[in-house]
Every structure is written in C-alpha cells, then in structure tokens.
C-alpha cells in the first residue's frame, strides 16, 4: 500500500510540475534559439502588404498567429508595428500550441527611426518584462519558453512612439528533462504497485 501512495504522490508531483506555468526569459537570440524545438517558424515581415489593415495573419507549418492593433498595422518591409502612437500590438496564437516565442521588440518615431524608449512585453500567462533597448537590434531581443501554452503576447511602449517588432519566432520549447524524469518515476511507481497487487 505504501508503494501505491508513493507512486500516486510522485505522479501528482510530476503533473504539478508540468501544469505550473514556469516561464524562462532570454535576452538574446543566441540564448533563446537552442531552447526551441525543431519546426519553429520565424517571420521577418518582409512583405508590408498588411500595412493599414487592422490585423494580419502569419503562418508556417503548424504555427499561425494574428497580429492586430486598434488603429491598424504598419510595415515597411523590415518590421511590423502599430499605425498610431501609444497603441498596443497584440499577437494571438491560433495554430499549434506555442510554448516558445521571441523576437526583437522596440519603438520608433513616425519616420521609422529607432527610439530608446521603454517597451513592455506581456504574455498570456502573466509574464511581463519591461526594458529599454539601445537599438532595434542591440538589446531589443526577448525570448520566452513556458511549460504551458502561450495564447497571446502584447507589446506596448510609452510616450508618443510606435511599438514594433521583427525576427519573430514561434514554436515549442525543448522539454525540461526533470519533468520527464518525475513523470517516469511516478509511472514506474504505479506499474510496480500494480505488479505487487497482482502477485498478492
């Protein structure tokens, strides 16, 4: 009977470790991308045909998402952003579950010139990070991996600037070995308990 209790406790612990949203934040693509499983999708927003639209859909493989802003979207072939200042850019994931997302996030003025202003990235699981990039490429990268699916992401900035992003990667996080080990331990305990009960 003790074996059954141990096995149930181990299985519950494994389920709890998988179910709790553990998010890791990365500050460079070099640190983030090795934690993304094969089959991810990176968008560079090279086709600005979405400019002026309220939303635009992007997809590749199993992953897809909708980018929207209340006053419409803006693109110039190198990034996607808000068409109006002080608006939030919202990305809603509509395809396969996303547990890894990252990109360059920054703000521009009306002439598309980078502005060293604070930007805030918020995930659907409550993870929020605010930072002030020094350029559109240097220190503007943020990546996230989560044990639970990320259903949306918002990007906002302060002052009279336009939120923008590029090199946007969506995919699945490489699973943590400890989650698998806990699950295997719980499953092994249950199998051992069933075997002992069958021999009694």
Foldseek 3Di string as FASTA:
>chain_A
DVLLVVLVVLQVVLVVVLPDKDKDKDQACVVQVVQFDPPKDWFQCQPFPQFQPQWDKDDDDQWIKIKGKPRGWGDDRGWIWDPFFQIKIKIFIDGPFWQKKKWFKFWAAPVRAGDQFKKWKAWPVGDIDIDGAPHSHGRRMMMMGISGGTGMMMMGTDDRIMIITGRMMTGHGDDDVVSVVSNVSSVVSNVVVVVVVVVD
